[in-house]
Amino acid sequence: MAVKSHLRGSKPVVLNIATNDALAGSAKNIFALMNYKNYYFVPISQDDFSKKPFSLMSDFAKIPGSLTAALAHTQLQPVLGA
């Protein structure tokens, strides 16, 4: 409800992803959100591709930059890294 209200006011929503099934079950939903207006992501990458091949995790050090970029309605790049 809070996000819905926030979006109604055309305010940015910043998502910080950390999941073990991002490249399996959640991929469709994560990448769909990337196409919606006012949704921004803290840059993400695989944290351990050999032990957790479907895992994605945000770079927590990039949260401040992601918030600043989202307030300017831009996505911090690259959103998906190696």
Protein backbone atom coordinates (compact mmCIF):
# COMPACT_ATOMS: atom_id res chain seq x y z
CA MET A 1 0.00 0.00 0.00
CA ALA A 2 2.84 2.40 0.80
CA VAL A 3 4.52 1.84 -2.57
CA LYS A 4 1.22 2.23 -4.39
CA SER A 5 0.62 5.55 -2.65
CA HIS A 6 4.17 6.67 -3.37
CA LEU A 7 3.82 5.85 -7.08
CA ARG A 8 0.48 7.65 -7.26
CA GLY A 9 2.39 10.83 -6.44
CA SER A 10 4.93 10.07 -9.23
CA LYS A 11 7.68 9.59 -6.65
CA PRO A 12 10.53 7.12 -7.25
CA VAL A 13 10.66 3.69 -5.61
CA VAL A 14 14.14 2.21 -5.13
CA LEU A 15 14.43 -1.58 -4.90
CA ASN A 16 17.36 -3.35 -3.30
CA ILE A 17 17.37 -6.96 -4.51
CA ALA A 18 18.87 -9.91 -2.62
CA THR A 19 17.47 -13.28 -3.64
CA ASN A 20 18.64 -16.83 -4.31
CA ASP A 21 16.15 -17.49 -7.12
CA ALA A 22 16.33 -14.24 -9.12
CA LEU A 23 17.48 -15.90 -12.31
CA ALA A 24 14.88 -18.66 -11.98
CA GLY A 25 11.42 -18.00 -10.52
CA SER A 26 11.71 -14.27 -9.82
CA ALA A 27 13.41 -13.13 -13.03
CA LYS A 28 10.17 -12.44 -14.88
CA ASN A 29 8.88 -10.16 -12.13
CA ILE A 30 12.19 -8.38 -11.48
CA PHE A 31 12.76 -7.57 -15.14
CA ALA A 32 9.12 -6.53 -15.61
CA LEU A 33 9.54 -3.97 -12.81
CA MET A 34 12.60 -2.59 -14.61
CA ASN A 35 10.28 -1.51 -17.42
CA TYR A 36 7.81 0.35 -15.18
CA LYS A 37 7.97 4.08 -14.63
CA ASN A 38 9.35 5.32 -11.28
CA TYR A 39 10.93 1.98 -10.26
CA TYR A 40 14.70 2.14 -9.82
CA PHE A 41 17.16 -0.53 -8.75
CA VAL A 42 20.32 -0.54 -6.73
CA PRO A 43 22.79 -2.15 -9.21
CA ILE A 44 22.73 -5.95 -8.98
CA SER A 45 25.05 -8.83 -9.86
CA GLN A 46 25.58 -12.48 -9.05
CA ASP A 47 27.22 -12.89 -5.67
CA ASP A 48 28.56 -16.45 -6.17
CA PHE A 49 27.72 -17.87 -9.61
CA SER A 50 29.35 -21.24 -9.00
CA LYS A 51 27.63 -22.10 -5.70
CA LYS A 52 24.40 -20.13 -6.23
CA PRO A 53 23.81 -19.95 -10.01
CA PHE A 54 20.38 -18.27 -9.73
CA SER A 55 21.32 -15.72 -7.08
CA LEU A 56 21.38 -11.93 -7.48
CA MET A 57 22.41 -9.38 -4.88
CA SER A 58 22.50 -5.59 -4.85
CA ASP A 59 25.72 -3.70 -4.28
CA PHE A 60 24.93 -2.16 -0.89
CA ALA A 61 27.71 0.43 -1.32
CA LYS A 62 25.73 1.89 -4.23
CA ILE A 63 22.56 2.59 -2.24
CA PRO A 64 23.33 6.31 -1.68
CA GLY A 65 24.10 6.85 -5.38
CA SER A 66 20.98 4.92 -6.38
CA LEU A 67 18.81 7.11 -4.14
CA THR A 68 20.33 10.30 -5.55
CA ALA A 69 19.85 9.09 -9.13
CA ALA A 70 16.25 8.00 -8.47
CA LEU A 71 15.37 11.44 -7.08
CA ALA A 72 16.57 12.80 -10.45
CA HIS A 73 14.42 10.09 -12.17
CA THR A 74 17.41 8.27 -13.63
CA GLN A 75 18.68 4.73 -13.14
CA LEU A 76 22.23 4.32 -11.80
CA GLN A 77 24.14 2.32 -14.43
CA PRO A 78 24.99 -0.41 -15.08
CA VAL A 79 21.94 -1.88 -13.36
CA LEU A 80 23.07 -5.48 -14.01
CA GLY A 81 26.78 -6.14 -13.58
CA ALA A 82 29.12 -9.05 -13.63
